[in-house]
């Protein structure tokens, strides 16, 4: 028996206007001092991995509920982009066997995680503890690496500014090391961890 494996994911390029994109980037930079070291940001690694937790992820990140009171979250430009995207995905007609149909139930909620990577930053193979993962990629710098790999499929999605990637959270995925000439944070990602029944 031969099984053809290809990852199911949604890619949306040019998600928002340049003005909206700049507001999202400014939010990342403004909140960067509140970002935590990787080992304090909910690192997920496969149980069979023998890599030390401190070596599993090299970046800084924060969950926005640790910063914003719920009443003020609507003013976050990154949350606005992710909320609009999740609503659009809910209204999309996927094939009957698509895992993206988990977005269809009325009770869908998500938490938002902001991550920042600089030269040498990466995230080794892991699964997310949610139903659907939605990534919003933001950058104003040119760099190499920082790509998303669906490890089980050996499929790479190159990083591109102002792009959304949505996929089933149970996929093992990783972020390749960022290569940049200085030590400033250059690769930003706002992640919505979407859960059904939330």
C-alpha atoms as a PDB file:
ATOM      1  CA  UNK A   1       0.000   0.000   0.000  1.00  0.00           C
ATOM      2  CA  UNK A   2       1.249   3.466  -0.854  1.00  0.00           C
ATOM      3  CA  UNK A   3       0.020   6.515   1.007  1.00  0.00           C
ATOM      4  CA  UNK A   4       0.647   9.928  -0.529  1.00  0.00           C
ATOM      5  CA  UNK A   5       1.358  12.376   2.277  1.00  0.00           C
ATOM      6  CA  UNK A   6       1.094  16.100   1.700  1.00  0.00           C
ATOM      7  CA  UNK A   7       0.431  18.653   4.428  1.00  0.00           C
ATOM      8  CA  UNK A   8      -2.870  20.494   4.473  1.00  0.00           C
ATOM      9  CA  UNK A   9      -2.444  24.178   5.167  1.00  0.00           C
ATOM     10  CA  UNK A  10      -3.818  27.546   4.123  1.00  0.00           C
ATOM     11  CA  UNK A  11      -1.493  30.302   2.936  1.00  0.00           C
ATOM     12  CA  UNK A  12      -2.682  33.900   2.572  1.00  0.00           C
ATOM     13  CA  UNK A  13      -0.181  36.423   1.203  1.00  0.00           C
ATOM     14  CA  UNK A  14      -0.461  40.201   1.573  1.00  0.00           C
ATOM     15  CA  UNK A  15      -2.831  39.841   4.517  1.00  0.00           C
ATOM     16  CA  UNK A  16      -3.090  43.505   5.410  1.00  0.00           C
ATOM     17  CA  UNK A  17      -2.286  46.982   4.133  1.00  0.00           C
ATOM     18  CA  UNK A  18       1.148  48.509   4.663  1.00  0.00           C
ATOM     19  CA  UNK A  19      -0.349  50.815   7.288  1.00  0.00           C
ATOM     20  CA  UNK A  20      -1.830  47.867   9.221  1.00  0.00           C
ATOM     21  CA  UNK A  21       1.401  45.922   8.821  1.00  0.00           C
ATOM     22  CA  UNK A  22       3.414  48.816  10.237  1.00  0.00           C
ATOM     23  CA  UNK A  23       1.063  48.985  13.246  1.00  0.00           C
ATOM     24  CA  UNK A  24       1.580  45.250  13.858  1.00  0.00           C
ATOM     25  CA  UNK A  25       5.359  45.647  13.649  1.00  0.00           C
ATOM     26  CA  UNK A  26       5.251  48.603  16.042  1.00  0.00           C
ATOM     27  CA  UNK A  27       3.271  46.503  18.537  1.00  0.00           C
ATOM     28  CA  UNK A  28       5.941  43.789  18.404  1.00  0.00           C
ATOM     29  CA  UNK A  29       8.725  46.302  18.982  1.00  0.00           C
ATOM     30  CA  UNK A  30       6.855  48.141  21.743  1.00  0.00           C
ATOM     31  CA  UNK A  31       6.165  44.906  23.655  1.00  0.00           C
ATOM     32  CA  UNK A  32       9.585  43.323  23.035  1.00  0.00           C
ATOM     33  CA  UNK A  33      10.950  44.318  26.494  1.00  0.00           C
ATOM     34  CA  UNK A  34       8.145  42.223  28.052  1.00  0.00           C
ATOM     35  CA  UNK A  35       8.993  39.123  26.004  1.00  0.00           C
ATOM     36  CA  UNK A  36      10.352  36.154  27.973  1.00  0.00           C
ATOM     37  CA  UNK A  37      13.182  33.758  27.271  1.00  0.00           C
ATOM     38  CA  UNK A  38      12.157  30.641  25.356  1.00  0.00           C
ATOM     39  CA  UNK A  39      12.055  28.212  28.292  1.00  0.00           C
ATOM     40  CA  UNK A  40       9.412  30.396  29.980  1.00  0.00           C
ATOM     41  CA  UNK A  41       7.031  30.564  27.016  1.00  0.00           C
ATOM     42  CA  UNK A  42       5.269  27.217  26.937  1.00  0.00           C
ATOM     43  CA  UNK A  43       7.818  25.211  24.964  1.00  0.00           C
ATOM     44  CA  UNK A  44       6.299  22.080  23.449  1.00  0.00           C
ATOM     45  CA  UNK A  45       8.551  19.239  22.416  1.00  0.00           C
ATOM     46  CA  UNK A  46       7.822  15.651  21.412  1.00  0.00           C
ATOM     47  CA  UNK A  47       7.965  13.264  24.369  1.00  0.00           C
ATOM     48  CA  UNK A  48      10.607  11.124  22.694  1.00  0.00           C
ATOM     49  CA  UNK A  49      13.024  14.049  22.318  1.00  0.00           C
ATOM     50  CA  UNK A  50      16.144  14.005  24.469  1.00  0.00           C
ATOM     51  CA  UNK A  51      17.038  17.647  23.711  1.00  0.00           C
ATOM     52  CA  UNK A  52      17.258  19.865  26.791  1.00  0.00           C
ATOM     53  CA  UNK A  53      14.279  22.235  27.045  1.00  0.00           C
ATOM     54  CA  UNK A  54      16.612  25.259  27.022  1.00  0.00           C
ATOM     55  CA  UNK A  55      18.038  24.140  23.671  1.00  0.00           C
ATOM     56  CA  UNK A  56      14.697  23.318  22.067  1.00  0.00           C
ATOM     57  CA  UNK A  57      13.695  26.831  21.181  1.00  0.00           C
ATOM     58  CA  UNK A  58      15.832  29.941  20.756  1.00  0.00           C
ATOM     59  CA  UNK A  59      13.677  33.050  20.667  1.00  0.00           C
ATOM     60  CA  UNK A  60      11.685  35.367  22.916  1.00  0.00           C
ATOM     61  CA  UNK A  61       7.909  35.358  23.231  1.00  0.00           C
ATOM     62  CA  UNK A  62       4.885  36.285  25.301  1.00  0.00           C
ATOM     63  CA  UNK A  63       1.195  35.401  25.463  1.00  0.00           C
ATOM     64  CA  UNK A  64      -0.816  38.590  25.025  1.00  0.00           C
ATOM     65  CA  UNK A  65      -3.187  37.708  27.881  1.00  0.00           C
ATOM     66  CA  UNK A  66      -0.172  38.229  30.163  1.00  0.00           C
ATOM     67  CA  UNK A  67       0.050  41.843  28.975  1.00  0.00           C
ATOM     68  CA  UNK A  68      -3.378  43.040  27.906  1.00  0.00           C
ATOM     69  CA  UNK A  69      -6.551  43.055  29.950  1.00  0.00           C
ATOM     70  CA  UNK A  70      -9.311  41.356  27.934  1.00  0.00           C
ATOM     71  CA  UNK A  71     -11.181  44.674  27.532  1.00  0.00           C
ATOM     72  CA  UNK A  72      -8.204  46.221  25.728  1.00  0.00           C
ATOM     73  CA  UNK A  73      -7.292  43.283  23.496  1.00  0.00           C
ATOM     74  CA  UNK A  74      -9.455  44.632  20.675  1.00  0.00           C
ATOM     75  CA  UNK A  75      -6.966  47.490  20.273  1.00  0.00           C
ATOM     76  CA  UNK A  76      -4.115  45.125  19.382  1.00  0.00           C
ATOM     77  CA  UNK A  77      -3.406  45.273  15.623  1.00  0.00           C
ATOM     78  CA  UNK A  78      -2.028  41.714  15.654  1.00  0.00           C
ATOM     79  CA  UNK A  79      -5.133  40.362  17.393  1.00  0.00           C
ATOM     80  CA  UNK A  80      -7.273  42.239  14.844  1.00  0.00           C
ATOM     81  CA  UNK A  81      -5.486  40.534  11.929  1.00  0.00           C
ATOM     82  CA  UNK A  82      -5.778  37.092  13.538  1.00  0.00           C
ATOM     83  CA  UNK A  83      -9.444  37.581  14.480  1.00  0.00           C
ATOM     84  CA  UNK A  84     -10.330  38.595  10.918  1.00  0.00           C
ATOM     85  CA  UNK A  85      -8.432  35.601   9.539  1.00  0.00           C
ATOM     86  CA  UNK A  86     -10.055  33.072  11.889  1.00  0.00           C
ATOM     87  CA  UNK A  87     -13.505  34.428  10.938  1.00  0.00           C
ATOM     88  CA  UNK A  88     -12.662  34.111   7.237  1.00  0.00           C
ATOM     89  CA  UNK A  89     -11.387  30.561   7.739  1.00  0.00           C
ATOM     90  CA  UNK A  90     -14.617  29.661   9.584  1.00  0.00           C
ATOM     91  CA  UNK A  91     -16.610  30.843   6.565  1.00  0.00           C
ATOM     92  CA  UNK A  92     -14.471  28.983   4.016  1.00  0.00           C
ATOM     93  CA  UNK A  93     -15.851  25.825   2.393  1.00  0.00           C
ATOM     94  CA  UNK A  94     -13.156  23.201   2.875  1.00  0.00           C
ATOM     95  CA  UNK A  95     -13.411  19.647   1.561  1.00  0.00           C
ATOM     96  CA  UNK A  96     -15.421  17.234   3.707  1.00  0.00           C
ATOM     97  CA  UNK A  97     -12.320  15.491   5.086  1.00  0.00           C
ATOM     98  CA  UNK A  98     -10.384  18.681   5.857  1.00  0.00           C
ATOM     99  CA  UNK A  99      -9.116  19.163   9.411  1.00  0.00           C
ATOM    100  CA  UNK A 100      -9.820  22.866   8.894  1.00  0.00           C
ATOM    101  CA  UNK A 101     -13.516  22.046   9.371  1.00  0.00           C
ATOM    102  CA  UNK A 102     -12.822  22.016  13.108  1.00  0.00           C
ATOM    103  CA  UNK A 103     -13.209  25.778  12.793  1.00  0.00           C
ATOM    104  CA  UNK A 104     -16.908  25.400  11.891  1.00  0.00           C
ATOM    105  CA  UNK A 105     -18.434  25.003  15.389  1.00  0.00           C
ATOM    106  CA  UNK A 106     -19.857  28.166  16.895  1.00  0.00           C
ATOM    107  CA  UNK A 107     -17.674  27.942  20.005  1.00  0.00           C
ATOM    108  CA  UNK A 108     -14.220  28.709  18.659  1.00  0.00           C
ATOM    109  CA  UNK A 109     -11.739  30.764  20.672  1.00  0.00           C
ATOM    110  CA  UNK A 110      -8.015  31.336  20.614  1.00  0.00           C
ATOM    111  CA  UNK A 111      -5.070  32.622  22.585  1.00  0.00           C
ATOM    112  CA  UNK A 112      -2.435  34.835  20.966  1.00  0.00           C
ATOM    113  CA  UNK A 113       1.294  34.335  21.304  1.00  0.00           C
ATOM    114  CA  UNK A 114       3.876  36.820  19.988  1.00  0.00           C
ATOM    115  CA  UNK A 115       7.315  35.508  19.106  1.00  0.00           C
ATOM    116  CA  UNK A 116      10.537  37.220  18.008  1.00  0.00           C
ATOM    117  CA  UNK A 117      13.628  35.652  16.458  1.00  0.00           C
ATOM    118  CA  UNK A 118      17.061  37.105  15.813  1.00  0.00           C
ATOM    119  CA  UNK A 119      20.204  35.685  14.220  1.00  0.00           C
ATOM    120  CA  UNK A 120      20.518  32.023  15.218  1.00  0.00           C
ATOM    121  CA  UNK A 121      16.900  31.795  16.446  1.00  0.00           C
ATOM    122  CA  UNK A 122      15.000  28.554  15.792  1.00  0.00           C
ATOM    123  CA  UNK A 123      12.327  26.174  17.107  1.00  0.00           C
ATOM    124  CA  UNK A 124      12.935  22.437  16.888  1.00  0.00           C
ATOM    125  CA  UNK A 125      10.177  19.954  15.824  1.00  0.00           C
ATOM    126  CA  UNK A 126       7.068  20.112  18.038  1.00  0.00           C
ATOM    127  CA  UNK A 127       3.267  19.929  18.072  1.00  0.00           C
ATOM    128  CA  UNK A 128       1.004  22.689  19.377  1.00  0.00           C
ATOM    129  CA  UNK A 129      -1.547  22.100  22.153  1.00  0.00           C
ATOM    130  CA  UNK A 130      -4.508  23.408  20.173  1.00  0.00           C
ATOM    131  CA  UNK A 131      -6.777  22.373  17.297  1.00  0.00           C
ATOM    132  CA  UNK A 132      -5.685  24.760  14.546  1.00  0.00           C
ATOM    133  CA  UNK A 133      -2.571  26.956  14.495  1.00  0.00           C
ATOM    134  CA  UNK A 134      -2.645  30.279  12.637  1.00  0.00           C
ATOM    135  CA  UNK A 135       0.678  32.061  12.068  1.00  0.00           C
ATOM    136  CA  UNK A 136       0.962  35.713  11.017  1.00  0.00           C
ATOM    137  CA  UNK A 137       4.482  36.521   9.805  1.00  0.00           C
ATOM    138  CA  UNK A 138       5.866  40.059  10.105  1.00  0.00           C
ATOM    139  CA  UNK A 139       9.287  41.542   9.328  1.00  0.00           C
ATOM    140  CA  UNK A 140      10.866  44.686   7.916  1.00  0.00           C
ATOM    141  CA  UNK A 141      14.318  43.162   7.390  1.00  0.00           C
ATOM    142  CA  UNK A 142      15.731  40.768   4.817  1.00  0.00           C
ATOM    143  CA  UNK A 143      17.190  37.598   6.307  1.00  0.00           C
ATOM    144  CA  UNK A 144      17.675  33.951   5.472  1.00  0.00           C
ATOM    145  CA  UNK A 145      16.034  31.014   7.223  1.00  0.00           C
ATOM    146  CA  UNK A 146      13.155  31.332   9.636  1.00  0.00           C
ATOM    147  CA  UNK A 147      11.154  28.994   7.409  1.00  0.00           C
ATOM    148  CA  UNK A 148       8.373  26.668   8.549  1.00  0.00           C
ATOM    149  CA  UNK A 149       8.943  22.955   7.978  1.00  0.00           C
ATOM    150  CA  UNK A 150       6.214  20.345   8.299  1.00  0.00           C
ATOM    151  CA  UNK A 151       8.651  17.728   9.520  1.00  0.00           C
ATOM    152  CA  UNK A 152       6.638  14.550   8.840  1.00  0.00           C
ATOM    153  CA  UNK A 153       6.019  15.668   5.261  1.00  0.00           C
ATOM    154  CA  UNK A 154       9.488  17.094   4.591  1.00  0.00           C
ATOM    155  CA  UNK A 155       7.690  20.169   3.270  1.00  0.00           C
ATOM    156  CA  UNK A 156       9.087  23.692   3.657  1.00  0.00           C
ATOM    157  CA  UNK A 157       7.079  26.917   3.621  1.00  0.00           C
ATOM    158  CA  UNK A 158       9.511  29.821   3.158  1.00  0.00           C
ATOM    159  CA  UNK A 159       9.043  32.802   5.467  1.00  0.00           C
ATOM    160  CA  UNK A 160       7.392  35.760   3.756  1.00  0.00           C
ATOM    161  CA  UNK A 161       6.454  39.055   5.355  1.00  0.00           C
ATOM    162  CA  UNK A 162       2.717  39.842   5.716  1.00  0.00           C
ATOM    163  CA  UNK A 163       1.657  36.206   5.310  1.00  0.00           C
ATOM    164  CA  UNK A 164      -0.751  33.924   7.183  1.00  0.00           C
ATOM    165  CA  UNK A 165      -0.219  30.180   7.451  1.00  0.00           C
ATOM    166  CA  UNK A 166      -2.976  28.047   9.062  1.00  0.00           C
ATOM    167  CA  UNK A 167      -2.664  24.303   9.688  1.00  0.00           C
ATOM    168  CA  UNK A 168      -3.805  21.482  11.989  1.00  0.00           C
ATOM    169  CA  UNK A 169      -1.927  21.863  15.271  1.00  0.00           C
ATOM    170  CA  UNK A 170      -1.126  18.151  15.508  1.00  0.00           C
ATOM    171  CA  UNK A 171       1.335  18.451  12.607  1.00  0.00           C
ATOM    172  CA  UNK A 172       4.916  18.263  13.831  1.00  0.00           C
ATOM    173  CA  UNK A 173       6.564  21.460  12.629  1.00  0.00           C
ATOM    174  CA  UNK A 174       9.721  23.465  13.180  1.00  0.00           C
ATOM    175  CA  UNK A 175      11.320  26.829  12.402  1.00  0.00           C
ATOM    176  CA  UNK A 176      14.715  26.804  10.709  1.00  0.00           C
ATOM    177  CA  UNK A 177      17.506  28.999  12.128  1.00  0.00           C
ATOM    178  CA  UNK A 178      17.388  32.669  11.224  1.00  0.00           C
ATOM    179  CA  UNK A 179      20.522  34.036   9.568  1.00  0.00           C
ATOM    180  CA  UNK A 180      21.041  37.797   9.818  1.00  0.00           C
ATOM    181  CA  UNK A 181      24.055  40.084   9.985  1.00  0.00           C
ATOM    182  CA  UNK A 182      23.217  41.747  13.309  1.00  0.00           C
ATOM    183  CA  UNK A 183      21.732  40.806  16.656  1.00  0.00           C
ATOM    184  CA  UNK A 184      18.411  42.633  16.404  1.00  0.00           C
ATOM    185  CA  UNK A 185      15.110  40.769  16.319  1.00  0.00           C
ATOM    186  CA  UNK A 186      14.033  40.528  12.681  1.00  0.00           C
ATOM    187  CA  UNK A 187      11.491  37.688  12.394  1.00  0.00           C
ATOM    188  CA  UNK A 188       8.191  38.232  14.186  1.00  0.00           C
ATOM    189  CA  UNK A 189       5.222  35.893  14.396  1.00  0.00           C
ATOM    190  CA  UNK A 190       1.786  36.380  15.940  1.00  0.00           C
ATOM    191  CA  UNK A 191       0.257  32.958  16.559  1.00  0.00           C
ATOM    192  CA  UNK A 192      -3.378  32.154  17.238  1.00  0.00           C
ATOM    193  CA  UNK A 193      -3.797  28.813  19.011  1.00  0.00           C
ATOM    194  CA  UNK A 194      -7.397  28.021  18.058  1.00  0.00           C
ATOM    195  CA  UNK A 195      -9.418  25.622  20.200  1.00  0.00           C
ATOM    196  CA  UNK A 196     -12.883  24.269  19.521  1.00  0.00           C
ATOM    197  CA  UNK A 197     -15.391  24.775  22.313  1.00  0.00           C
ATOM    198  CA  UNK A 198     -13.463  27.690  23.820  1.00  0.00           C
END
